[in-house]
């Protein structure tokens, strides 16, 4: 029997945070301008300041990579698989 695991569209267990502080407001504004919205993982990471700064630092470092995008996506998928990340 095939079970459709993609029925649920909202997989997060936490509500995203509204921007607190100047740094988070600037990042939220940049995300809205760049993507048209603030992605849910970024809003969830904003709950904790150290996690938020680490995530933004990681995103900035990944933009500077000279590795093919397909290889980066493969590495991200494998890391998510190893740590048991649902998305």
N, C-alpha and C. Protein backbone atom coordinates (compact mmCIF):
# COMPACT_ATOMS: atom_id res chain seq x y z
N UNK A 1 0.85 -1.18 0.00
CA UNK A 1 0.00 0.00 0.00
C UNK A 1 0.89 1.24 0.00
N UNK A 2 0.65 2.14 -0.93
CA UNK A 2 1.44 3.37 -1.05
C UNK A 2 0.84 4.45 -0.17
N UNK A 3 1.68 5.06 0.67
CA UNK A 3 1.23 6.14 1.54
C UNK A 3 1.86 7.43 1.05
N UNK A 4 1.04 8.42 0.84
CA UNK A 4 1.55 9.71 0.38
C UNK A 4 2.09 10.48 1.59
N UNK A 5 3.41 10.56 1.69
CA UNK A 5 4.03 11.24 2.81
C UNK A 5 4.08 12.75 2.61
N UNK A 6 3.79 13.22 1.43
CA UNK A 6 3.87 14.65 1.15
C UNK A 6 2.54 15.36 1.34
N UNK A 7 1.55 14.72 2.00
CA UNK A 7 0.26 15.36 2.22
C UNK A 7 0.40 16.63 3.04
N UNK A 8 1.16 16.54 4.12
CA UNK A 8 1.32 17.69 4.99
C UNK A 8 2.19 18.72 4.29
N UNK A 9 1.70 19.95 4.25
CA UNK A 9 2.49 21.00 3.62
C UNK A 9 3.31 21.76 4.66
N UNK A 10 2.87 21.79 5.91
CA UNK A 10 3.59 22.49 6.97
C UNK A 10 4.26 21.46 7.87
N UNK A 11 5.59 21.32 7.72
CA UNK A 11 6.31 20.30 8.46
C UNK A 11 6.94 20.84 9.74
N UNK A 12 7.01 22.14 9.92
CA UNK A 12 7.70 22.70 11.07
C UNK A 12 6.89 22.47 12.35
N UNK A 13 7.60 22.17 13.42
CA UNK A 13 6.97 21.98 14.73
C UNK A 13 6.96 23.28 15.52
N UNK A 14 7.72 24.25 15.08
CA UNK A 14 7.83 25.54 15.76
C UNK A 14 7.28 26.64 14.88
N UNK A 15 6.78 27.66 15.52
CA UNK A 15 6.35 28.85 14.79
C UNK A 15 7.58 29.72 14.54
N UNK A 16 7.63 30.33 13.39
CA UNK A 16 8.75 31.21 13.09
C UNK A 16 8.71 32.46 13.95
N UNK A 17 9.86 33.07 14.13
CA UNK A 17 9.98 34.25 14.96
C UNK A 17 9.86 35.52 14.12
N UNK A 18 9.30 36.54 14.72
CA UNK A 18 9.32 37.85 14.08
C UNK A 18 10.70 38.45 14.33
N UNK A 19 11.14 39.35 13.45
CA UNK A 19 12.50 39.89 13.61
C UNK A 19 12.65 40.68 14.91
N UNK A 20 13.71 40.36 15.64
CA UNK A 20 14.05 41.08 16.86
C UNK A 20 15.43 41.65 16.67
N UNK A 21 15.56 42.91 16.86
CA UNK A 21 16.87 43.55 16.73
C UNK A 21 17.15 44.01 15.31
N UNK A 22 18.12 44.85 15.22
CA UNK A 22 18.48 45.47 13.95
C UNK A 22 19.01 44.45 12.93
N UNK A 23 19.86 43.52 13.40
CA UNK A 23 20.45 42.53 12.49
C UNK A 23 19.37 41.64 11.87
N UNK A 24 18.46 41.14 12.68
CA UNK A 24 17.41 40.26 12.15
C UNK A 24 16.47 41.03 11.23
N UNK A 25 16.15 42.26 11.55
CA UNK A 25 15.29 43.05 10.66
C UNK A 25 15.96 43.26 9.31
N UNK A 26 17.28 43.52 9.33
CA UNK A 26 18.00 43.72 8.07
C UNK A 26 18.02 42.44 7.24
N UNK A 27 18.24 41.30 7.89
CA UNK A 27 18.26 40.02 7.17
C UNK A 27 16.87 39.71 6.62
N UNK A 28 15.82 39.92 7.41
CA UNK A 28 14.46 39.67 6.93
C UNK A 28 14.14 40.55 5.73
N UNK A 29 14.52 41.83 5.79
CA UNK A 29 14.25 42.75 4.69
C UNK A 29 14.99 42.30 3.43
N UNK A 30 16.26 41.88 3.59
CA UNK A 30 17.04 41.39 2.46
C UNK A 30 16.41 40.14 1.85
N UNK A 31 15.97 39.21 2.70
CA UNK A 31 15.33 37.97 2.21
C UNK A 31 14.05 38.29 1.45
N UNK A 32 13.26 39.21 1.98
CA UNK A 32 12.01 39.58 1.29
C UNK A 32 12.30 40.20 -0.07
N UNK A 33 13.33 41.03 -0.11
CA UNK A 33 13.68 41.67 -1.37
C UNK A 33 14.24 40.65 -2.37
N UNK A 34 15.05 39.72 -1.87
CA UNK A 34 15.70 38.76 -2.76
C UNK A 34 14.76 37.64 -3.20
N UNK A 35 13.96 37.11 -2.27
CA UNK A 35 13.13 35.94 -2.56
C UNK A 35 11.63 36.24 -2.62
N UNK A 36 11.24 37.42 -2.17
CA UNK A 36 9.82 37.74 -2.14
C UNK A 36 9.15 37.34 -0.83
N UNK A 37 9.85 36.60 0.01
CA UNK A 37 9.33 36.17 1.32
C UNK A 37 10.51 35.73 2.18
N UNK A 38 10.26 35.55 3.46
CA UNK A 38 11.29 35.03 4.36
C UNK A 38 11.04 33.53 4.50
N UNK A 39 11.99 32.68 4.10
CA UNK A 39 11.80 31.23 4.19
C UNK A 39 11.57 30.78 5.64
N UNK A 40 10.76 29.75 5.79
CA UNK A 40 10.42 29.26 7.12
C UNK A 40 11.64 28.81 7.93
N UNK A 41 12.62 28.11 7.34
CA UNK A 41 13.80 27.73 8.14
C UNK A 41 14.55 28.93 8.72
N UNK A 42 14.56 30.04 8.00
CA UNK A 42 15.22 31.24 8.51
C UNK A 42 14.43 31.80 9.68
N UNK A 43 13.10 31.83 9.57
CA UNK A 43 12.26 32.33 10.66
C UNK A 43 12.38 31.46 11.90
N UNK A 44 12.52 30.15 11.71
CA UNK A 44 12.66 29.24 12.84
C UNK A 44 14.04 29.41 13.48
N UNK A 45 15.08 29.59 12.67
CA UNK A 45 16.42 29.80 13.21
C UNK A 45 16.50 31.11 13.99
N UNK A 46 15.64 32.07 13.68
CA UNK A 46 15.66 33.38 14.34
C UNK A 46 15.22 33.30 15.80
N UNK A 47 14.69 32.16 16.22
CA UNK A 47 14.29 32.00 17.62
C UNK A 47 15.51 32.12 18.53
N UNK A 48 16.64 31.60 18.08
CA UNK A 48 17.89 31.64 18.85
C UNK A 48 18.90 32.50 18.10
N UNK A 49 19.41 33.54 18.75
CA UNK A 49 20.36 34.44 18.08
C UNK A 49 21.62 33.73 17.59
N UNK A 50 22.27 32.86 18.41
CA UNK A 50 23.47 32.19 17.89
C UNK A 50 23.18 31.28 16.70
N UNK A 51 22.06 30.59 16.72
CA UNK A 51 21.69 29.72 15.60
C UNK A 51 21.42 30.56 14.36
N UNK A 52 20.73 31.67 14.54
CA UNK A 52 20.40 32.55 13.42
C UNK A 52 21.68 33.10 12.77
N UNK A 53 22.60 33.60 13.60
CA UNK A 53 23.84 34.14 13.05
C UNK A 53 24.66 33.06 12.37
N UNK A 54 24.67 31.86 12.93
CA UNK A 54 25.39 30.75 12.31
C UNK A 54 24.78 30.36 10.98
N UNK A 55 23.45 30.33 10.92
CA UNK A 55 22.77 29.97 9.67
C UNK A 55 23.05 31.01 8.58
N UNK A 56 22.96 32.29 8.94
CA UNK A 56 23.21 33.34 7.95
C UNK A 56 24.67 33.30 7.50
N UNK A 57 25.59 33.05 8.43
CA UNK A 57 27.00 32.92 8.07
C UNK A 57 27.23 31.76 7.13
N UNK A 58 26.54 30.64 7.38
CA UNK A 58 26.66 29.48 6.50
C UNK A 58 26.13 29.79 5.11
N UNK A 59 25.00 30.47 5.04
CA UNK A 59 24.42 30.84 3.74
C UNK A 59 25.37 31.75 2.96
N UNK A 60 25.98 32.72 3.66
CA UNK A 60 26.91 33.62 2.99
C UNK A 60 28.13 32.86 2.49
N UNK A 61 28.64 31.94 3.28
CA UNK A 61 29.81 31.15 2.86
C UNK A 61 29.46 30.28 1.66
N UNK A 62 28.26 29.72 1.65
CA UNK A 62 27.86 28.86 0.53
C UNK A 62 27.72 29.64 -0.77
N UNK A 63 27.35 30.92 -0.68
CA UNK A 63 27.24 31.74 -1.88
C UNK A 63 28.61 32.00 -2.51
N UNK A 64 29.66 31.96 -1.69
CA UNK A 64 31.01 32.21 -2.18
C UNK A 64 31.71 30.95 -2.68
N UNK A 65 31.06 29.80 -2.56
CA UNK A 65 31.68 28.54 -2.97
C UNK A 65 31.93 28.49 -4.47
N UNK A 66 33.00 27.82 -4.85
CA UNK A 66 33.26 27.61 -6.27
C UNK A 66 32.98 26.15 -6.64
N UNK A 67 32.16 25.48 -5.83
CA UNK A 67 31.78 24.09 -6.06
C UNK A 67 30.52 24.09 -6.93
N UNK A 68 30.39 23.15 -7.84
CA UNK A 68 29.18 23.09 -8.67
C UNK A 68 27.91 22.99 -7.80
N UNK A 69 26.86 23.72 -8.17
CA UNK A 69 25.64 23.73 -7.37
C UNK A 69 25.04 22.33 -7.14
N UNK A 70 25.16 21.45 -8.10
CA UNK A 70 24.64 20.09 -7.95
C UNK A 70 25.34 19.33 -6.83
N UNK A 71 26.64 19.54 -6.71
CA UNK A 71 27.41 18.89 -5.65
C UNK A 71 27.05 19.45 -4.28
N UNK A 72 26.80 20.76 -4.21
CA UNK A 72 26.38 21.38 -2.95
C UNK A 72 25.02 20.82 -2.53
N UNK A 73 24.09 20.70 -3.48
CA UNK A 73 22.77 20.16 -3.16
C UNK A 73 22.87 18.71 -2.70
N UNK A 74 23.74 17.95 -3.33
CA UNK A 74 23.94 16.56 -2.93
C UNK A 74 24.50 16.47 -1.50
N UNK A 75 25.47 17.31 -1.18
CA UNK A 75 26.04 17.32 0.17
C UNK A 75 25.01 17.73 1.20
N UNK A 76 24.19 18.74 0.89
CA UNK A 76 23.14 19.17 1.82
C UNK A 76 22.14 18.05 2.06
N UNK A 77 21.76 17.36 1.02
CA UNK A 77 20.81 16.26 1.15
C UNK A 77 21.38 15.14 2.00
N UNK A 78 22.65 14.82 1.79
CA UNK A 78 23.28 13.74 2.56
C UNK A 78 23.42 14.11 4.03
N UNK A 79 23.76 15.34 4.33
CA UNK A 79 23.86 15.78 5.73
C UNK A 79 22.49 15.74 6.39
N UNK A 80 21.46 16.21 5.70
CA UNK A 80 20.11 16.16 6.24
C UNK A 80 19.68 14.71 6.50
N UNK A 81 20.05 13.83 5.61
CA UNK A 81 19.72 12.41 5.78
C UNK A 81 20.43 11.83 7.00
N UNK A 82 21.70 12.17 7.18
CA UNK A 82 22.48 11.61 8.29
C UNK A 82 21.99 12.10 9.65
N UNK A 83 21.53 13.35 9.73
CA UNK A 83 21.08 13.86 11.02
C UNK A 83 19.60 13.65 11.26
N UNK A 84 18.89 13.10 10.27
CA UNK A 84 17.48 12.80 10.44
C UNK A 84 16.57 14.00 10.24
N UNK A 85 17.00 14.95 9.44
CA UNK A 85 16.20 16.15 9.18
C UNK A 85 15.02 15.77 8.27
N UNK A 86 13.78 16.16 8.65
CA UNK A 86 12.63 15.76 7.85
C UNK A 86 12.46 16.53 6.54
N UNK A 87 13.21 17.62 6.32
CA UNK A 87 13.06 18.38 5.08
C UNK A 87 14.36 18.77 4.49
